[in-house]
Amino acid sequence: MRAYLDIETDRKGNICVIGLLVENNGFLQWYGEDISTERIERELSNVKTIVTFNGDLFDLPQMKKHLNIDLQTNYISRDLFKDKKKLGIKGGLKQLEKMFGIERKTEGVNGYQAMWLWEKYKRHGNKDALKLLLEYNKEDVVNLTRLEEIIDQLGGNAP
């Protein structure tokens, strides 16, 4: 079974949002105090492969550092950033989405802005900022499924 994962961090590098799409279980998301090692491990209990975009360099090491979950050792990691690089495709996740016609409602929001959305929520209780941040994270996760299909069609190697 596969899981698709993306995290958001605050300006200090702490994880503030985790989005997870597990095959046959649907999309799950935690933020702030709801993030816990036990919850993540429980949802990943039947998973063999974790799919990310640049997760080998960012998401997975952050999960290990902040939650003491070693996803790189305990699961097969499929980093679509590495796959697209092997295929000679340039660009980040948002550029690839545009290139391949993958739509997103949060067009224009990026990881840097995501940090500020969290800040607006934490400091000022701005629920609209939180709602936008959570939607942004969800699209990052859900769009990985379509991007993985496209990369596979182009000859990427699925673990």
C-alpha atoms as a PDB file:
ATOM      1  CA  MET A   1       0.000   0.000   0.000  1.00  0.00           C
ATOM      2  CA  ARG A   2       1.122   3.570  -0.761  1.00  0.00           C
ATOM      3  CA  ALA A   3       0.872   6.819   1.170  1.00  0.00           C
ATOM      4  CA  TYR A   4       1.338  10.334  -0.198  1.00  0.00           C
ATOM      5  CA  LEU A   5       2.832  12.800   2.259  1.00  0.00           C
ATOM      6  CA  ASP A   6       3.534  16.509   2.511  1.00  0.00           C
ATOM      7  CA  ILE A   7       4.360  18.696   5.490  1.00  0.00           C
ATOM      8  CA  GLU A   8       4.361  22.429   6.121  1.00  0.00           C
ATOM      9  CA  THR A   9       6.687  24.085   8.594  1.00  0.00           C
ATOM     10  CA  ASP A  10       6.677  27.374  10.453  1.00  0.00           C
ATOM     11  CA  ARG A  11       9.438  29.974  10.171  1.00  0.00           C
ATOM     12  CA  LYS A  12      11.491  28.152  12.831  1.00  0.00           C
ATOM     13  CA  GLY A  13      11.305  24.850  10.956  1.00  0.00           C
ATOM     14  CA  ASN A  14       8.762  23.189  13.249  1.00  0.00           C
ATOM     15  CA  ILE A  15       6.148  21.022  11.555  1.00  0.00           C
ATOM     16  CA  CYS A  16       2.789  22.793  11.645  1.00  0.00           C
ATOM     17  CA  VAL A  17       0.742  20.744   9.124  1.00  0.00           C
ATOM     18  CA  ILE A  18       0.947  17.143   7.924  1.00  0.00           C
ATOM     19  CA  GLY A  19      -1.138  15.944   5.013  1.00  0.00           C
ATOM     20  CA  LEU A  20      -1.367  12.218   4.311  1.00  0.00           C
ATOM     21  CA  LEU A  21      -3.276  10.325   1.660  1.00  0.00           C
ATOM     22  CA  VAL A  22      -3.255   6.586   2.279  1.00  0.00           C
ATOM     23  CA  GLU A  23      -4.562   4.259  -0.433  1.00  0.00           C
ATOM     24  CA  ASN A  24      -8.000   2.918   0.582  1.00  0.00           C
ATOM     25  CA  ASN A  25      -8.145   5.212   3.658  1.00  0.00           C
ATOM     26  CA  GLY A  26      -8.492   8.649   2.065  1.00  0.00           C
ATOM     27  CA  PHE A  27      -6.952  11.982   2.998  1.00  0.00           C
ATOM     28  CA  LEU A  28      -5.993  12.825   6.569  1.00  0.00           C
ATOM     29  CA  GLN A  29      -4.540  16.030   7.925  1.00  0.00           C
ATOM     30  CA  TRP A  30      -3.213  17.230  11.259  1.00  0.00           C
ATOM     31  CA  TYR A  31      -2.058  20.659  12.376  1.00  0.00           C
ATOM     32  CA  GLY A  32      -0.589  22.235  15.474  1.00  0.00           C
ATOM     33  CA  GLU A  33      -1.201  20.276  18.662  1.00  0.00           C
ATOM     34  CA  ASP A  34      -3.000  17.475  16.768  1.00  0.00           C
ATOM     35  CA  ILE A  35       0.282  16.292  15.238  1.00  0.00           C
ATOM     36  CA  SER A  36       1.585  13.237  17.073  1.00  0.00           C
ATOM     37  CA  THR A  37       3.976  10.392  16.403  1.00  0.00           C
ATOM     38  CA  GLU A  38       1.351   7.839  17.447  1.00  0.00           C
ATOM     39  CA  ARG A  39      -1.270   9.146  15.001  1.00  0.00           C
ATOM     40  CA  ILE A  40       1.137   9.133  12.078  1.00  0.00           C
ATOM     41  CA  GLU A  41       2.488   5.670  12.868  1.00  0.00           C
ATOM     42  CA  ARG A  42      -1.046   4.271  13.245  1.00  0.00           C
ATOM     43  CA  GLU A  43      -2.079   5.592   9.814  1.00  0.00           C
ATOM     44  CA  LEU A  44       1.087   4.231   8.211  1.00  0.00           C
ATOM     45  CA  SER A  45       0.813   0.770   9.785  1.00  0.00           C
ATOM     46  CA  ASN A  46      -0.144  -1.004   6.514  1.00  0.00           C
ATOM     47  CA  VAL A  47       1.887   1.217   4.194  1.00  0.00           C
ATOM     48  CA  LYS A  48       4.962  -0.001   2.288  1.00  0.00           C
ATOM     49  CA  THR A  49       5.805   3.025   0.106  1.00  0.00           C
ATOM     50  CA  ILE A  50       5.716   6.734   0.935  1.00  0.00           C
ATOM     51  CA  VAL A  51       5.493   9.106  -2.034  1.00  0.00           C
ATOM     52  CA  THR A  52       6.675  12.708  -1.683  1.00  0.00           C
ATOM     53  CA  PHE A  53       8.058  15.569  -3.737  1.00  0.00           C
ATOM     54  CA  ASN A  54      11.556  16.394  -2.456  1.00  0.00           C
ATOM     55  CA  GLY A  55      10.668  14.442   0.664  1.00  0.00           C
ATOM     56  CA  ASP A  56      14.004  12.642   0.888  1.00  0.00           C
ATOM     57  CA  LEU A  57      15.693  15.990   1.481  1.00  0.00           C
ATOM     58  CA  PHE A  58      12.961  17.836   3.397  1.00  0.00           C
ATOM     59  CA  ASP A  59       9.780  16.144   4.635  1.00  0.00           C
ATOM     60  CA  LEU A  60      11.218  12.825   5.797  1.00  0.00           C
ATOM     61  CA  PRO A  61      14.251  14.283   7.653  1.00  0.00           C
ATOM     62  CA  GLN A  62      11.934  16.824   9.341  1.00  0.00           C
ATOM     63  CA  MET A  63       9.597  14.031  10.448  1.00  0.00           C
ATOM     64  CA  LYS A  64      12.582  12.198  11.932  1.00  0.00           C
ATOM     65  CA  LYS A  65      13.926  15.311  13.651  1.00  0.00           C
ATOM     66  CA  HIS A  66      10.643  16.565  15.139  1.00  0.00           C
ATOM     67  CA  LEU A  67       8.581  13.392  15.593  1.00  0.00           C
ATOM     68  CA  ASN A  68      11.288  10.722  15.832  1.00  0.00           C
ATOM     69  CA  ILE A  69       9.695   8.745  12.976  1.00  0.00           C
ATOM     70  CA  ASP A  70      12.305   7.288  10.630  1.00  0.00           C
ATOM     71  CA  LEU A  71      10.284   7.037   7.424  1.00  0.00           C
ATOM     72  CA  GLN A  72      13.380   6.621   5.233  1.00  0.00           C
ATOM     73  CA  THR A  73      14.494   3.480   7.043  1.00  0.00           C
ATOM     74  CA  ASN A  74      11.119   1.903   7.760  1.00  0.00           C
ATOM     75  CA  TYR A  75       9.424   2.467   4.376  1.00  0.00           C
ATOM     76  CA  ILE A  76      10.250   2.507   0.706  1.00  0.00           C
ATOM     77  CA  SER A  77      10.566   6.156  -0.275  1.00  0.00           C
ATOM     78  CA  ARG A  78       9.523   7.358  -3.699  1.00  0.00           C
ATOM     79  CA  ASP A  79      10.609  10.946  -4.174  1.00  0.00           C
ATOM     80  CA  LEU A  80       8.996  12.294  -7.343  1.00  0.00           C
ATOM     81  CA  PHE A  81      11.525  15.144  -7.365  1.00  0.00           C
ATOM     82  CA  LYS A  82      14.287  12.595  -7.986  1.00  0.00           C
ATOM     83  CA  ASP A  83      12.186  10.774 -10.584  1.00  0.00           C
ATOM     84  CA  LYS A  84      11.491  13.902 -12.621  1.00  0.00           C
ATOM     85  CA  LYS A  85      15.162  14.841 -12.417  1.00  0.00           C
ATOM     86  CA  LYS A  86      16.191  11.441 -13.845  1.00  0.00           C
ATOM     87  CA  LEU A  87      13.773  12.061 -16.717  1.00  0.00           C
ATOM     88  CA  GLY A  88      15.441  15.432 -17.414  1.00  0.00           C
ATOM     89  CA  ILE A  89      12.384  17.451 -16.381  1.00  0.00           C
ATOM     90  CA  LYS A  90      13.085  20.788 -14.731  1.00  0.00           C
ATOM     91  CA  GLY A  91      10.952  22.683 -12.229  1.00  0.00           C
ATOM     92  CA  GLY A  92       9.347  22.425  -8.844  1.00  0.00           C
ATOM     93  CA  LEU A  93       6.009  20.898  -7.959  1.00  0.00           C
ATOM     94  CA  LYS A  94       3.920  23.930  -8.968  1.00  0.00           C
ATOM     95  CA  GLN A  95       5.726  24.248 -12.333  1.00  0.00           C
ATOM     96  CA  LEU A  96       5.195  20.542 -13.052  1.00  0.00           C
ATOM     97  CA  GLU A  97       1.512  20.831 -12.177  1.00  0.00           C
ATOM     98  CA  LYS A  98       1.166  23.639 -14.741  1.00  0.00           C
ATOM     99  CA  MET A  99       3.236  21.753 -17.311  1.00  0.00           C
ATOM    100  CA  PHE A 100       1.048  18.644 -16.999  1.00  0.00           C
ATOM    101  CA  GLY A 101      -2.318  20.393 -16.590  1.00  0.00           C
ATOM    102  CA  ILE A 102      -2.842  19.485 -12.935  1.00  0.00           C
ATOM    103  CA  GLU A 103      -5.168  22.102 -11.482  1.00  0.00           C
ATOM    104  CA  ARG A 104      -5.098  23.652  -8.050  1.00  0.00           C
ATOM    105  CA  LYS A 105      -7.466  26.059  -6.270  1.00  0.00           C
ATOM    106  CA  THR A 106      -4.606  27.608  -4.279  1.00  0.00           C
ATOM    107  CA  GLU A 107      -2.771  28.844  -7.371  1.00  0.00           C
ATOM    108  CA  GLY A 108      -0.097  31.367  -6.395  1.00  0.00           C
ATOM    109  CA  VAL A 109       0.465  30.083  -2.855  1.00  0.00           C
ATOM    110  CA  ASN A 110       3.920  28.647  -2.209  1.00  0.00           C
ATOM    111  CA  GLY A 111       5.841  27.162   0.703  1.00  0.00           C
ATOM    112  CA  TYR A 112       7.112  30.542   1.857  1.00  0.00           C
ATOM    113  CA  GLN A 113       3.607  31.980   1.928  1.00  0.00           C
ATOM    114  CA  ALA A 114       2.410  28.857   3.741  1.00  0.00           C
ATOM    115  CA  MET A 115       4.686  29.801   6.653  1.00  0.00           C
ATOM    116  CA  TRP A 116       3.057  33.218   6.855  1.00  0.00           C
ATOM    117  CA  LEU A 117      -0.435  31.741   6.690  1.00  0.00           C
ATOM    118  CA  TRP A 118       0.441  29.636   9.729  1.00  0.00           C
ATOM    119  CA  GLU A 119       1.824  32.738  11.448  1.00  0.00           C
ATOM    120  CA  LYS A 120      -1.426  34.639  10.772  1.00  0.00           C
ATOM    121  CA  TYR A 121      -3.400  31.787  12.265  1.00  0.00           C
ATOM    122  CA  LYS A 122      -1.166  31.291  15.324  1.00  0.00           C
ATOM    123  CA  ARG A 123      -0.692  34.966  16.189  1.00  0.00           C
ATOM    124  CA  HIS A 124      -4.031  36.426  15.201  1.00  0.00           C
ATOM    125  CA  GLY A 125      -6.410  33.471  15.143  1.00  0.00           C
ATOM    126  CA  ASN A 126      -7.087  34.067  11.439  1.00  0.00           C
ATOM    127  CA  LYS A 127      -9.201  31.050  10.492  1.00  0.00           C
ATOM    128  CA  ASP A 128      -9.242  32.032   6.799  1.00  0.00           C
ATOM    129  CA  ALA A 129      -5.432  31.817   6.770  1.00  0.00           C
ATOM    130  CA  LEU A 130      -5.620  28.356   8.356  1.00  0.00           C
ATOM    131  CA  LYS A 131      -8.272  27.238   5.884  1.00  0.00           C
ATOM    132  CA  LEU A 132      -6.128  28.367   2.929  1.00  0.00           C
ATOM    133  CA  LEU A 133      -3.019  26.706   4.408  1.00  0.00           C
ATOM    134  CA  LEU A 134      -4.844  23.405   4.914  1.00  0.00           C
ATOM    135  CA  GLU A 135      -6.258  23.517   1.370  1.00  0.00           C
ATOM    136  CA  TYR A 136      -2.789  24.286  -0.006  1.00  0.00           C
ATOM    137  CA  ASN A 137      -1.306  21.313   1.862  1.00  0.00           C
ATOM    138  CA  LYS A 138      -4.133  19.034   0.738  1.00  0.00           C
ATOM    139  CA  GLU A 139      -3.561  19.973  -2.901  1.00  0.00           C
ATOM    140  CA  ASP A 140       0.178  19.333  -2.516  1.00  0.00           C
ATOM    141  CA  VAL A 141      -0.629  15.811  -1.289  1.00  0.00           C
ATOM    142  CA  VAL A 142      -3.512  14.910  -3.613  1.00  0.00           C
ATOM    143  CA  ASN A 143      -1.702  16.238  -6.693  1.00  0.00           C
ATOM    144  CA  LEU A 144       1.179  13.839  -6.007  1.00  0.00           C
ATOM    145  CA  THR A 145      -1.069  10.970  -7.104  1.00  0.00           C
ATOM    146  CA  ARG A 146      -1.615  12.490 -10.549  1.00  0.00           C
ATOM    147  CA  LEU A 147       2.030  13.547 -10.873  1.00  0.00           C
ATOM    148  CA  GLU A 148       3.132  10.003 -10.032  1.00  0.00           C
ATOM    149  CA  GLU A 149       0.875   8.621 -12.806  1.00  0.00           C
ATOM    150  CA  ILE A 150       2.343  11.077 -15.314  1.00  0.00           C
ATOM    151  CA  ILE A 151       5.946  10.333 -14.307  1.00  0.00           C
ATOM    152  CA  ASP A 152       5.229   6.596 -14.619  1.00  0.00           C
ATOM    153  CA  GLN A 153       3.811   7.162 -18.120  1.00  0.00           C
ATOM    154  CA  LEU A 154       6.981   9.044 -19.047  1.00  0.00           C
ATOM    155  CA  GLY A 155       9.142   6.158 -17.918  1.00  0.00           C
ATOM    156  CA  GLY A 156       9.866   6.917 -14.276  1.00  0.00           C
ATOM    157  CA  ASN A 157      10.634   3.958 -12.050  1.00  0.00           C
ATOM    158  CA  ALA A 158       8.073   3.084  -9.400  1.00  0.00           C
ATOM    159  CA  PRO A 159       9.384   1.238  -6.344  1.00  0.00           C
END
